[in-house]
Amino acid sequence: MKKKLFSKILIFVLIGIGIGIASSSWAGQVVTESLKSWAQQALEQEQSLKTISTPDTVAVLYFNNKTGWSKLDLLQKGIALMLITDLSNVKKFKVVERARVHALVKESGLGELGLVESGTASRVGKLLGAEYLVGGDILKPKINGFQLKSDLLKVSAKGIAGQSTSEGKLLEELFQMEKDLLFEIIKLLKIELSVEEKELLKKPLSTSIEALLNFFEGIDNSDRGNYRKAVIFYKKALKADPDIGIARDSLQELHELGLIPKKKKHLLLRSLKNRTSLTDQLTSEESVKRAKTPKDVIKKQSFHDSDNNEEPPNYLDEYYTDPALITPNPADGVQ
């Protein structure tokens, strides 16, 4: 009797969690230990979970890069993130946060990309408490263009409820392609938008490709547990576009969760490590004053500048130096 009661309580808790997480699109980007634990418990109790999908709730899965161009792999999570952020501004629907979807899919081993097999997708939707699932592909059907194709699955029906597509040139027209896809999905969901919602949804997450790619790289590193690298890319995103608030929120989250050392502590440890003489204990400004010649001043100033401004190698240079991403080479053929 006690075991049955405990099972019912646990199921109720899991359902409650599934409903509660849908109130924000990116309340959290970090896949925490508590999310991993939740995913494990949900899978263990899966057989006991009947229909738990919450009405007007949507979960977005990662897109699958089928272009054959590995340079576009960042967009697999990136496009999903853009859609999640936009859909969260639609009052009628709740959106399951990305980190929860990532935790469940990772823990279940069902794969992260696209809209998985209808039976599996239904299973994922039930565990997430979502009424609808959105997923899709990044395609290159033409020599001079790309296509985003999205499937909308209604979990209870265990089948595709509709498909949406948008076409254009990546990365040049990424913003517009995502918006075109977004409004097609909203149309399939039969949502009537207010004038205010329409105007809000027209605003891009950022108008800087550099900022977006760095943010996507930061998210990917965070998912892999490389939090220090995530910080570097979040800061690079903010440098490219100070108004990309989602990068600032993600950076703040890492600080609040204690996943990266506080700046003062980091500087203190580095100072203690490098301290070898009385001169080393001086501030950067003071040490420059102690230099004997103009040449020494330049040398010391250069040392302090490089020490205080850690810049990672720019892994995204290839995006801007490869003209094929803007104007594909006919020699590549149709993928």
C-alpha atoms as a PDB file:
ATOM      1  CA  MET A   1       0.000   0.000   0.000  1.00  0.00           C
ATOM      2  CA  LYS A   2       2.801   2.373   0.952  1.00  0.00           C
ATOM      3  CA  LYS A   3       4.683   1.564  -2.255  1.00  0.00           C
ATOM      4  CA  LYS A   4       1.628   2.366  -4.376  1.00  0.00           C
ATOM      5  CA  LEU A   5       1.093   5.623  -2.500  1.00  0.00           C
ATOM      6  CA  PHE A   6       4.755   6.584  -2.977  1.00  0.00           C
ATOM      7  CA  SER A   7       4.522   5.784  -6.697  1.00  0.00           C
ATOM      8  CA  LYS A   8       1.440   7.983  -7.092  1.00  0.00           C
ATOM      9  CA  ILE A   9       3.114  10.844  -5.248  1.00  0.00           C
ATOM     10  CA  LEU A  10       6.229  10.544  -7.395  1.00  0.00           C
ATOM     11  CA  ILE A  11       4.181  10.568 -10.586  1.00  0.00           C
ATOM     12  CA  PHE A  12       2.346  13.646  -9.359  1.00  0.00           C
ATOM     13  CA  VAL A  13       5.652  15.373  -8.639  1.00  0.00           C
ATOM     14  CA  LEU A  14       6.995  14.511 -12.094  1.00  0.00           C
ATOM     15  CA  ILE A  15       3.855  15.838 -13.719  1.00  0.00           C
ATOM     16  CA  GLY A  16       4.082  19.004 -11.678  1.00  0.00           C
ATOM     17  CA  ILE A  17       7.677  19.515 -12.723  1.00  0.00           C
ATOM     18  CA  GLY A  18       6.747  18.948 -16.351  1.00  0.00           C
ATOM     19  CA  ILE A  19       4.062  21.620 -16.145  1.00  0.00           C
ATOM     20  CA  GLY A  20       6.128  24.088 -14.163  1.00  0.00           C
ATOM     21  CA  ILE A  21       9.114  24.174 -16.469  1.00  0.00           C
ATOM     22  CA  ALA A  22       7.115  25.400 -19.413  1.00  0.00           C
ATOM     23  CA  SER A  23       6.650  28.909 -18.068  1.00  0.00           C
ATOM     24  CA  SER A  24       9.907  30.251 -19.524  1.00  0.00           C
ATOM     25  CA  SER A  25      11.893  29.680 -22.702  1.00  0.00           C
ATOM     26  CA  TRP A  26      15.387  30.067 -21.329  1.00  0.00           C
ATOM     27  CA  ALA A  27      14.977  30.400 -17.586  1.00  0.00           C
ATOM     28  CA  GLY A  28      18.095  28.250 -17.505  1.00  0.00           C
ATOM     29  CA  GLN A  29      20.570  27.126 -20.154  1.00  0.00           C
ATOM     30  CA  VAL A  30      22.762  24.994 -17.911  1.00  0.00           C
ATOM     31  CA  VAL A  31      22.019  21.270 -17.704  1.00  0.00           C
ATOM     32  CA  THR A  32      22.289  21.009 -13.918  1.00  0.00           C
ATOM     33  CA  GLU A  33      22.589  17.876 -11.798  1.00  0.00           C
ATOM     34  CA  SER A  34      18.989  18.353 -10.680  1.00  0.00           C
ATOM     35  CA  LEU A  35      17.828  18.284 -14.314  1.00  0.00           C
ATOM     36  CA  LYS A  36      19.842  15.125 -14.941  1.00  0.00           C
ATOM     37  CA  SER A  37      18.288  13.575 -11.829  1.00  0.00           C
ATOM     38  CA  TRP A  38      14.819  14.586 -12.998  1.00  0.00           C
ATOM     39  CA  ALA A  39      15.440  12.966 -16.395  1.00  0.00           C
ATOM     40  CA  GLN A  40      16.603   9.743 -14.753  1.00  0.00           C
ATOM     41  CA  GLN A  41      13.543   9.598 -12.495  1.00  0.00           C
ATOM     42  CA  ALA A  42      11.191  10.350 -15.361  1.00  0.00           C
ATOM     43  CA  LEU A  43      12.620   7.487 -17.400  1.00  0.00           C
ATOM     44  CA  GLU A  44      12.501   5.101 -14.431  1.00  0.00           C
ATOM     45  CA  GLN A  45       8.828   5.903 -13.869  1.00  0.00           C
ATOM     46  CA  GLU A  46       7.957   6.054 -17.562  1.00  0.00           C
ATOM     47  CA  GLN A  47       5.725   2.985 -17.534  1.00  0.00           C
ATOM     48  CA  SER A  48       3.601   4.509 -14.791  1.00  0.00           C
ATOM     49  CA  LEU A  49       3.185   7.822 -16.574  1.00  0.00           C
ATOM     50  CA  LYS A  50       0.002   7.867 -18.587  1.00  0.00           C
ATOM     51  CA  THR A  51      -1.022  10.998 -20.467  1.00  0.00           C
ATOM     52  CA  ILE A  52       0.694  13.964 -18.859  1.00  0.00           C
ATOM     53  CA  SER A  53       0.903  16.386 -21.770  1.00  0.00           C
ATOM     54  CA  THR A  54      -0.030  19.903 -20.768  1.00  0.00           C
ATOM     55  CA  PRO A  55      -2.391  21.743 -23.152  1.00  0.00           C
ATOM     56  CA  ASP A  56      -0.828  24.569 -25.162  1.00  0.00           C
ATOM     57  CA  THR A  57       2.720  23.446 -24.384  1.00  0.00           C
ATOM     58  CA  VAL A  58       5.436  23.073 -27.016  1.00  0.00           C
ATOM     59  CA  ALA A  59       8.955  21.628 -26.889  1.00  0.00           C
ATOM     60  CA  VAL A  60      11.536  22.369 -29.587  1.00  0.00           C
ATOM     61  CA  LEU A  61      14.120  19.713 -30.521  1.00  0.00           C
ATOM     62  CA  TYR A  62      17.423  20.466 -32.226  1.00  0.00           C
ATOM     63  CA  PHE A  63      17.523  20.696 -35.999  1.00  0.00           C
ATOM     64  CA  ASN A  64      19.532  18.219 -38.064  1.00  0.00           C
ATOM     65  CA  ASN A  65      22.211  19.577 -40.392  1.00  0.00           C
ATOM     66  CA  LYS A  66      21.781  17.566 -43.581  1.00  0.00           C
ATOM     67  CA  THR A  67      23.721  19.916 -45.867  1.00  0.00           C
ATOM     68  CA  GLY A  68      26.958  17.983 -45.542  1.00  0.00           C
ATOM     69  CA  TRP A  69      28.665  21.188 -44.395  1.00  0.00           C
ATOM     70  CA  SER A  70      30.010  20.722 -40.877  1.00  0.00           C
ATOM     71  CA  LYS A  71      30.490  24.496 -40.622  1.00  0.00           C
ATOM     72  CA  LEU A  72      26.743  24.778 -40.135  1.00  0.00           C
ATOM     73  CA  ASP A  73      26.568  22.341 -37.194  1.00  0.00           C
ATOM     74  CA  LEU A  74      26.302  25.239 -34.733  1.00  0.00           C
ATOM     75  CA  LEU A  75      22.943  26.088 -36.263  1.00  0.00           C
ATOM     76  CA  GLN A  76      21.478  22.755 -35.114  1.00  0.00           C
ATOM     77  CA  LYS A  77      21.105  24.110 -31.578  1.00  0.00           C
ATOM     78  CA  GLY A  78      21.125  27.708 -32.751  1.00  0.00           C
ATOM     79  CA  ILE A  79      17.935  27.612 -34.792  1.00  0.00           C
ATOM     80  CA  ALA A  80      16.142  25.723 -32.011  1.00  0.00           C
ATOM     81  CA  LEU A  81      17.286  28.389 -29.536  1.00  0.00           C
ATOM     82  CA  MET A  82      16.002  31.186 -31.755  1.00  0.00           C
ATOM     83  CA  LEU A  83      12.613  29.487 -32.100  1.00  0.00           C
ATOM     84  CA  ILE A  84      12.389  28.775 -28.361  1.00  0.00           C
ATOM     85  CA  THR A  85      13.136  32.404 -27.545  1.00  0.00           C
ATOM     86  CA  ASP A  86      10.535  33.682 -30.018  1.00  0.00           C
ATOM     87  CA  LEU A  87       7.821  31.180 -29.080  1.00  0.00           C
ATOM     88  CA  SER A  88       8.216  32.161 -25.432  1.00  0.00           C
ATOM     89  CA  ASN A  89       6.825  35.566 -26.373  1.00  0.00           C
ATOM     90  CA  VAL A  90       3.529  34.012 -27.505  1.00  0.00           C
ATOM     91  CA  LYS A  91       1.178  34.282 -24.534  1.00  0.00           C
ATOM     92  CA  LYS A  92      -1.105  31.432 -25.585  1.00  0.00           C
ATOM     93  CA  PHE A  93       1.675  28.809 -25.464  1.00  0.00           C
ATOM     94  CA  LYS A  94       4.197  27.695 -22.879  1.00  0.00           C
ATOM     95  CA  VAL A  95       7.625  26.542 -24.018  1.00  0.00           C
ATOM     96  CA  VAL A  96       9.694  23.806 -22.388  1.00  0.00           C
ATOM     97  CA  GLU A  97      13.120  25.182 -21.551  1.00  0.00           C
ATOM     98  CA  ARG A  98      15.953  23.956 -23.748  1.00  0.00           C
ATOM     99  CA  ALA A  99      18.102  22.610 -20.902  1.00  0.00           C
ATOM    100  CA  ARG A 100      15.316  20.258 -19.799  1.00  0.00           C
ATOM    101  CA  VAL A 101      14.845  18.916 -23.311  1.00  0.00           C
ATOM    102  CA  HIS A 102      18.608  18.442 -23.614  1.00  0.00           C
ATOM    103  CA  ALA A 103      18.809  16.597 -20.279  1.00  0.00           C
ATOM    104  CA  LEU A 104      16.010  14.183 -21.154  1.00  0.00           C
ATOM    105  CA  VAL A 105      17.176  13.422 -24.674  1.00  0.00           C
ATOM    106  CA  LYS A 106      20.761  12.906 -23.478  1.00  0.00           C
ATOM    107  CA  GLU A 107      19.727  10.661 -20.599  1.00  0.00           C
ATOM    108  CA  SER A 108      17.389   8.578 -22.746  1.00  0.00           C
ATOM    109  CA  GLY A 109      19.920   8.153 -25.541  1.00  0.00           C
ATOM    110  CA  LEU A 110      17.228   8.897 -28.099  1.00  0.00           C
ATOM    111  CA  GLY A 111      19.393  11.317 -30.073  1.00  0.00           C
ATOM    112  CA  GLU A 112      19.344  15.109 -30.093  1.00  0.00           C
ATOM    113  CA  LEU A 113      18.674  16.061 -33.660  1.00  0.00           C
ATOM    114  CA  GLY A 114      15.551  16.696 -35.644  1.00  0.00           C
ATOM    115  CA  LEU A 115      12.157  15.186 -35.011  1.00  0.00           C
ATOM    116  CA  VAL A 116      12.880  11.564 -34.155  1.00  0.00           C
ATOM    117  CA  GLU A 117      10.675   8.644 -35.203  1.00  0.00           C
ATOM    118  CA  SER A 118       7.007   9.360 -34.509  1.00  0.00           C
ATOM    119  CA  GLY A 119       6.786   6.716 -31.780  1.00  0.00           C
ATOM    120  CA  THR A 120       9.934   7.977 -30.078  1.00  0.00           C
ATOM    121  CA  ALA A 121       8.867  11.609 -30.459  1.00  0.00           C
ATOM    122  CA  SER A 122       5.576  10.792 -28.775  1.00  0.00           C
ATOM    123  CA  ARG A 123       7.518   9.227 -25.919  1.00  0.00           C
ATOM    124  CA  VAL A 124       9.730  12.314 -25.548  1.00  0.00           C
ATOM    125  CA  GLY A 125       6.694  14.577 -25.643  1.00  0.00           C
ATOM    126  CA  LYS A 126       4.960  12.587 -22.917  1.00  0.00           C
ATOM    127  CA  LEU A 127       7.986  12.692 -20.644  1.00  0.00           C
ATOM    128  CA  LEU A 128       8.344  16.441 -21.173  1.00  0.00           C
ATOM    129  CA  GLY A 129       4.653  17.064 -20.641  1.00  0.00           C
ATOM    130  CA  ALA A 130       4.391  18.775 -24.042  1.00  0.00           C
ATOM    131  CA  GLU A 131       1.341  18.760 -26.293  1.00  0.00           C
ATOM    132  CA  TYR A 132       3.395  19.606 -29.371  1.00  0.00           C
ATOM    133  CA  LEU A 133       6.957  18.907 -30.533  1.00  0.00           C
ATOM    134  CA  VAL A 134       8.826  20.981 -33.113  1.00  0.00           C
ATOM    135  CA  GLY A 135      11.930  19.708 -34.878  1.00  0.00           C
ATOM    136  CA  GLY A 136      13.419  19.830 -38.338  1.00  0.00           C
ATOM    137  CA  ASP A 137      16.294  19.822 -40.793  1.00  0.00           C
ATOM    138  CA  ILE A 138      18.761  22.227 -42.369  1.00  0.00           C
ATOM    139  CA  LEU A 139      18.867  21.380 -46.076  1.00  0.00           C
ATOM    140  CA  LYS A 140      20.603  22.501 -49.258  1.00  0.00           C
ATOM    141  CA  PRO A 141      18.161  21.595 -52.028  1.00  0.00           C
ATOM    142  CA  LYS A 142      19.532  24.150 -54.488  1.00  0.00           C
ATOM    143  CA  ILE A 143      22.984  25.208 -55.604  1.00  0.00           C
ATOM    144  CA  ASN A 144      22.362  28.813 -54.601  1.00  0.00           C
ATOM    145  CA  GLY A 145      20.199  28.387 -51.531  1.00  0.00           C
ATOM    146  CA  PHE A 146      19.389  26.638 -48.267  1.00  0.00           C
ATOM    147  CA  GLN A 147      16.161  25.495 -46.671  1.00  0.00           C
ATOM    148  CA  LEU A 148      14.895  25.132 -43.115  1.00  0.00           C
ATOM    149  CA  LYS A 149      12.257  22.440 -42.856  1.00  0.00           C
ATOM    150  CA  SER A 150      10.268  21.919 -39.677  1.00  0.00           C
ATOM    151  CA  ASP A 151       7.853  19.213 -38.558  1.00  0.00           C
ATOM    152  CA  LEU A 152       5.122  19.821 -35.998  1.00  0.00           C
ATOM    153  CA  LEU A 153       4.040  16.712 -34.115  1.00  0.00           C
ATOM    154  CA  LYS A 154       0.993  16.478 -31.887  1.00  0.00           C
ATOM    155  CA  VAL A 155       1.992  14.080 -29.115  1.00  0.00           C
ATOM    156  CA  SER A 156      -1.454  12.639 -28.417  1.00  0.00           C
ATOM    157  CA  ALA A 157      -2.041  11.885 -32.103  1.00  0.00           C
ATOM    158  CA  LYS A 158       1.428  10.310 -32.512  1.00  0.00           C
ATOM    159  CA  GLY A 159       1.794  11.816 -35.950  1.00  0.00           C
ATOM    160  CA  ILE A 160       2.925  14.862 -37.922  1.00  0.00           C
ATOM    161  CA  ALA A 161       0.391  17.691 -37.633  1.00  0.00           C
ATOM    162  CA  GLY A 162       2.022  19.815 -40.313  1.00  0.00           C
ATOM    163  CA  GLN A 163       5.246  20.997 -41.939  1.00  0.00           C
ATOM    164  CA  SER A 164       6.821  24.421 -42.389  1.00  0.00           C
ATOM    165  CA  THR A 165       9.658  25.577 -44.629  1.00  0.00           C
ATOM    166  CA  SER A 166      11.693  28.698 -45.299  1.00  0.00           C
ATOM    167  CA  GLU A 167      14.410  29.331 -47.866  1.00  0.00           C
ATOM    168  CA  GLY A 168      17.310  31.721 -48.241  1.00  0.00           C
ATOM    169  CA  LYS A 169      21.073  32.153 -48.095  1.00  0.00           C
ATOM    170  CA  LEU A 170      22.934  31.125 -44.957  1.00  0.00           C
ATOM    171  CA  LEU A 171      24.287  32.895 -43.035  1.00  0.00           C
ATOM    172  CA  GLU A 172      23.321  36.137 -44.719  1.00  0.00           C
ATOM    173  CA  GLU A 173      19.565  35.575 -44.404  1.00  0.00           C
ATOM    174  CA  LEU A 174      19.489  33.474 -41.231  1.00  0.00           C
ATOM    175  CA  PHE A 175      17.399  36.044 -39.344  1.00  0.00           C
ATOM    176  CA  GLN A 176      14.677  36.206 -41.980  1.00  0.00           C
ATOM    177  CA  MET A 177      14.661  32.445 -42.564  1.00  0.00           C
ATOM    178  CA  GLU A 178      14.088  31.808 -38.852  1.00  0.00           C
ATOM    179  CA  LYS A 179      11.296  34.385 -38.737  1.00  0.00           C
ATOM    180  CA  ASP A 180       9.582  32.910 -41.804  1.00  0.00           C
ATOM    181  CA  LEU A 181       9.715  29.466 -40.204  1.00  0.00           C
ATOM    182  CA  LEU A 182       8.460  30.855 -36.891  1.00  0.00           C
ATOM    183  CA  PHE A 183       5.310  32.406 -38.354  1.00  0.00           C
ATOM    184  CA  GLU A 184       4.599  29.234 -40.342  1.00  0.00           C
ATOM    185  CA  ILE A 185       4.779  27.194 -37.122  1.00  0.00           C
ATOM    186  CA  ILE A 186       2.499  29.666 -35.343  1.00  0.00           C
ATOM    187  CA  LYS A 187       0.037  29.342 -38.210  1.00  0.00           C
ATOM    188  CA  LEU A 188       0.061  25.534 -37.881  1.00  0.00           C
ATOM    189  CA  LEU A 189      -0.568  25.909 -34.141  1.00  0.00           C
ATOM    190  CA  LYS A 190      -3.608  28.053 -35.056  1.00  0.00           C
ATOM    191  CA  ILE A 191      -2.554  30.900 -32.809  1.00  0.00           C
ATOM    192  CA  GLU A 192      -4.075  34.345 -33.220  1.00  0.00           C
ATOM    193  CA  LEU A 193      -1.388  36.895 -32.430  1.00  0.00           C
ATOM    194  CA  SER A 194      -2.038  40.338 -31.021  1.00  0.00           C
ATOM    195  CA  VAL A 195      -0.536  43.376 -32.745  1.00  0.00           C
ATOM    196  CA  GLU A 196       1.977  43.703 -29.902  1.00  0.00           C
ATOM    197  CA  GLU A 197       3.007  40.050 -30.209  1.00  0.00           C
ATOM    198  CA  LYS A 198       3.520  40.345 -33.956  1.00  0.00           C
ATOM    199  CA  GLU A 199       5.770  43.358 -33.555  1.00  0.00           C
ATOM    200  CA  LEU A 200       7.742  41.679 -30.783  1.00  0.00           C
ATOM    201  CA  LEU A 201       8.219  38.507 -32.821  1.00  0.00           C
ATOM    202  CA  LYS A 202       9.584  40.472 -35.766  1.00  0.00           C
ATOM    203  CA  LYS A 203      12.565  41.596 -33.690  1.00  0.00           C
ATOM    204  CA  PRO A 204      15.623  39.349 -34.195  1.00  0.00           C
ATOM    205  CA  LEU A 205      17.524  37.842 -31.295  1.00  0.00           C
ATOM    206  CA  SER A 206      20.475  39.774 -32.688  1.00  0.00           C
ATOM    207  CA  THR A 207      21.314  41.367 -36.024  1.00  0.00           C
ATOM    208  CA  SER A 208      24.945  40.302 -35.650  1.00  0.00           C
ATOM    209  CA  ILE A 209      25.849  36.920 -37.114  1.00  0.00           C
ATOM    210  CA  GLU A 210      29.107  37.055 -35.162  1.00  0.00           C
ATOM    211  CA  ALA A 211      27.229  37.541 -31.877  1.00  0.00           C
ATOM    212  CA  LEU A 212      24.831  34.684 -32.603  1.00  0.00           C
ATOM    213  CA  LEU A 213      27.532  32.205 -33.612  1.00  0.00           C
ATOM    214  CA  ASN A 214      29.566  33.000 -30.515  1.00  0.00           C
ATOM    215  CA  PHE A 215      26.484  32.603 -28.342  1.00  0.00           C
ATOM    216  CA  PHE A 216      25.666  29.246 -29.946  1.00  0.00           C
ATOM    217  CA  GLU A 217      29.277  28.160 -29.378  1.00  0.00           C
ATOM    218  CA  GLY A 218      28.947  29.198 -25.743  1.00  0.00           C
ATOM    219  CA  ILE A 219      25.797  27.116 -25.301  1.00  0.00           C
ATOM    220  CA  ASP A 220      27.453  24.091 -26.866  1.00  0.00           C
ATOM    221  CA  ASN A 221      30.457  24.366 -24.555  1.00  0.00           C
ATOM    222  CA  SER A 222      28.163  24.771 -21.549  1.00  0.00           C
ATOM    223  CA  ASP A 223      26.329  21.573 -22.512  1.00  0.00           C
ATOM    224  CA  ARG A 224      29.690  19.776 -22.619  1.00  0.00           C
ATOM    225  CA  GLY A 225      30.641  21.092 -19.185  1.00  0.00           C
ATOM    226  CA  ASN A 226      33.300  23.438 -20.605  1.00  0.00           C
ATOM    227  CA  TYR A 227      32.049  26.394 -18.588  1.00  0.00           C
ATOM    228  CA  ARG A 228      35.224  28.484 -18.836  1.00  0.00           C
ATOM    229  CA  LYS A 229      35.080  28.305 -22.626  1.00  0.00           C
ATOM    230  CA  ALA A 230      31.364  29.089 -22.504  1.00  0.00           C
ATOM    231  CA  VAL A 231      32.165  32.301 -20.624  1.00  0.00           C
ATOM    232  CA  ILE A 232      34.693  33.308 -23.263  1.00  0.00           C
ATOM    233  CA  PHE A 233      32.188  32.882 -26.080  1.00  0.00           C
ATOM    234  CA  TYR A 234      29.363  34.609 -24.179  1.00  0.00           C
ATOM    235  CA  LYS A 235      31.652  37.595 -23.676  1.00  0.00           C
ATOM    236  CA  LYS A 236      32.614  37.579 -27.354  1.00  0.00           C
ATOM    237  CA  ALA A 237      28.906  37.540 -28.243  1.00  0.00           C
ATOM    238  CA  LEU A 238      28.272  40.534 -25.997  1.00  0.00           C
ATOM    239  CA  LYS A 239      31.260  42.337 -27.477  1.00  0.00           C
ATOM    240  CA  ALA A 240      29.820  41.862 -30.969  1.00  0.00           C
ATOM    241  CA  ASP A 241      26.330  42.875 -29.805  1.00  0.00           C
ATOM    242  CA  PRO A 242      25.915  44.371 -26.291  1.00  0.00           C
ATOM    243  CA  ASP A 243      22.121  44.045 -26.674  1.00  0.00           C
ATOM    244  CA  ILE A 244      22.039  40.246 -26.946  1.00  0.00           C
ATOM    245  CA  GLY A 245      20.511  39.823 -23.511  1.00  0.00           C
ATOM    246  CA  ILE A 246      20.257  36.043 -23.631  1.00  0.00           C
ATOM    247  CA  ALA A 247      24.066  35.816 -23.647  1.00  0.00           C
ATOM    248  CA  ARG A 248      24.239  38.094 -20.610  1.00  0.00           C
ATOM    249  CA  ASP A 249      21.637  35.962 -18.807  1.00  0.00           C
ATOM    250  CA  SER A 250      23.535  32.771 -19.632  1.00  0.00           C
ATOM    251  CA  LEU A 251      26.766  34.283 -18.339  1.00  0.00           C
ATOM    252  CA  GLN A 252      25.048  35.397 -15.137  1.00  0.00           C
ATOM    253  CA  GLU A 253      23.611  31.906 -14.661  1.00  0.00           C
ATOM    254  CA  LEU A 254      27.092  30.367 -14.669  1.00  0.00           C
ATOM    255  CA  HIS A 255      28.160  32.845 -11.989  1.00  0.00           C
ATOM    256  CA  GLU A 256      25.076  32.226  -9.834  1.00  0.00           C
ATOM    257  CA  LEU A 257      25.485  28.446 -10.026  1.00  0.00           C
ATOM    258  CA  GLY A 258      29.130  28.759  -8.999  1.00  0.00           C
ATOM    259  CA  LEU A 259      30.312  26.924 -12.106  1.00  0.00           C
ATOM    260  CA  ILE A 260      33.039  29.460 -12.790  1.00  0.00           C
ATOM    261  CA  PRO A 261      35.321  31.107 -10.233  1.00  0.00           C
ATOM    262  CA  LYS A 262      34.577  34.640  -9.135  1.00  0.00           C
ATOM    263  CA  LYS A 263      36.741  37.212 -10.851  1.00  0.00           C
ATOM    264  CA  LYS A 264      38.389  38.547  -7.692  1.00  0.00           C
ATOM    265  CA  LYS A 265      39.339  35.089  -6.477  1.00  0.00           C
ATOM    266  CA  HIS A 266      40.742  34.196  -9.880  1.00  0.00           C
ATOM    267  CA  LEU A 267      42.887  37.341 -10.006  1.00  0.00           C
ATOM    268  CA  LEU A 268      44.115  36.803  -6.447  1.00  0.00           C
ATOM    269  CA  LEU A 269      45.224  33.233  -7.153  1.00  0.00           C
ATOM    270  CA  ARG A 270      46.995  34.301 -10.304  1.00  0.00           C
ATOM    271  CA  SER A 271      48.704  37.113  -8.427  1.00  0.00           C
ATOM    272  CA  LEU A 272      49.945  34.742  -5.708  1.00  0.00           C
ATOM    273  CA  LYS A 273      51.167  32.272  -8.291  1.00  0.00           C
ATOM    274  CA  ASN A 274      53.157  34.840 -10.230  1.00  0.00           C
ATOM    275  CA  ARG A 275      54.509  36.753  -7.204  1.00  0.00           C
ATOM    276  CA  THR A 276      58.310  36.417  -7.128  1.00  0.00           C
ATOM    277  CA  SER A 277      59.534  39.845  -5.993  1.00  0.00           C
ATOM    278  CA  LEU A 278      58.493  43.129  -4.451  1.00  0.00           C
ATOM    279  CA  THR A 279      58.053  44.598  -7.927  1.00  0.00           C
ATOM    280  CA  ASP A 280      55.591  41.823  -8.839  1.00  0.00           C
ATOM    281  CA  GLN A 281      53.361  42.928  -5.943  1.00  0.00           C
ATOM    282  CA  LEU A 282      52.829  46.341  -7.491  1.00  0.00           C
ATOM    283  CA  THR A 283      49.734  47.122  -9.575  1.00  0.00           C
ATOM    284  CA  SER A 284      50.033  47.178 -13.347  1.00  0.00           C
ATOM    285  CA  GLU A 285      50.090  50.987 -13.301  1.00  0.00           C
ATOM    286  CA  GLU A 286      52.834  51.105 -10.671  1.00  0.00           C
ATOM    287  CA  SER A 287      55.026  48.583 -12.445  1.00  0.00           C
ATOM    288  CA  VAL A 288      54.873  50.639 -15.622  1.00  0.00           C
ATOM    289  CA  LYS A 289      56.011  53.684 -13.646  1.00  0.00           C
ATOM    290  CA  ARG A 290      59.056  51.696 -12.393  1.00  0.00           C
ATOM    291  CA  ALA A 291      60.224  50.962 -15.932  1.00  0.00           C
ATOM    292  CA  LYS A 292      63.530  52.629 -16.774  1.00  0.00           C
ATOM    293  CA  THR A 293      63.217  53.262 -20.517  1.00  0.00           C
ATOM    294  CA  PRO A 294      60.385  53.873 -23.049  1.00  0.00           C
ATOM    295  CA  LYS A 295      61.178  50.438 -24.452  1.00  0.00           C
ATOM    296  CA  ASP A 296      60.645  48.879 -21.009  1.00  0.00           C
ATOM    297  CA  VAL A 297      57.364  50.760 -20.628  1.00  0.00           C
ATOM    298  CA  ILE A 298      56.032  49.338 -23.886  1.00  0.00           C
ATOM    299  CA  LYS A 299      57.201  45.847 -22.990  1.00  0.00           C
ATOM    300  CA  LYS A 300      55.674  45.920 -19.486  1.00  0.00           C
ATOM    301  CA  GLN A 301      52.426  47.517 -20.663  1.00  0.00           C
ATOM    302  CA  SER A 302      52.097  44.874 -23.376  1.00  0.00           C
ATOM    303  CA  PHE A 303      52.603  42.156 -20.761  1.00  0.00           C
ATOM    304  CA  HIS A 304      49.855  43.485 -18.493  1.00  0.00           C
ATOM    305  CA  ASP A 305      47.450  44.027 -21.371  1.00  0.00           C
ATOM    306  CA  SER A 306      47.844  40.440 -22.544  1.00  0.00           C
ATOM    307  CA  ASP A 307      47.561  39.140 -18.977  1.00  0.00           C
ATOM    308  CA  ASN A 308      44.305  40.948 -18.246  1.00  0.00           C
ATOM    309  CA  ASN A 309      42.563  40.364 -21.568  1.00  0.00           C
ATOM    310  CA  GLU A 310      42.319  36.699 -22.341  1.00  0.00           C
ATOM    311  CA  GLU A 311      41.297  36.248 -25.951  1.00  0.00           C
ATOM    312  CA  PRO A 312      40.666  32.751 -27.281  1.00  0.00           C
ATOM    313  CA  PRO A 313      41.461  31.793 -30.823  1.00  0.00           C
ATOM    314  CA  ASN A 314      38.598  32.847 -33.071  1.00  0.00           C
ATOM    315  CA  TYR A 315      37.127  29.502 -34.081  1.00  0.00           C
ATOM    316  CA  LEU A 316      34.501  31.299 -36.157  1.00  0.00           C
ATOM    317  CA  ASP A 317      36.836  32.988 -38.639  1.00  0.00           C
ATOM    318  CA  GLU A 318      35.933  30.343 -41.186  1.00  0.00           C
ATOM    319  CA  TYR A 319      32.346  31.577 -41.218  1.00  0.00           C
ATOM    320  CA  TYR A 320      33.393  34.987 -42.470  1.00  0.00           C
ATOM    321  CA  THR A 321      36.249  34.005 -44.761  1.00  0.00           C
ATOM    322  CA  ASP A 322      34.382  31.254 -46.597  1.00  0.00           C
ATOM    323  CA  PRO A 323      32.325  32.982 -49.339  1.00  0.00           C
ATOM    324  CA  ALA A 324      30.503  29.698 -49.992  1.00  0.00           C
ATOM    325  CA  LEU A 325      28.382  30.292 -46.918  1.00  0.00           C
ATOM    326  CA  ILE A 326      27.052  33.476 -48.493  1.00  0.00           C
ATOM    327  CA  THR A 327      27.194  32.529 -52.168  1.00  0.00           C
ATOM    328  CA  PRO A 328      27.556  28.752 -52.631  1.00  0.00           C
ATOM    329  CA  ASN A 329      29.995  27.471 -55.199  1.00  0.00           C
ATOM    330  CA  PRO A 330      28.201  25.747 -58.138  1.00  0.00           C
ATOM    331  CA  ALA A 331      31.000  23.194 -58.128  1.00  0.00           C
ATOM    332  CA  ASP A 332      29.676  21.884 -54.833  1.00  0.00           C
ATOM    333  CA  GLY A 333      26.594  20.575 -56.594  1.00  0.00           C
ATOM    334  CA  VAL A 334      23.192  20.095 -55.014  1.00  0.00           C
ATOM    335  CA  GLN A 335      23.265  18.344 -51.647  1.00  0.00           C
END
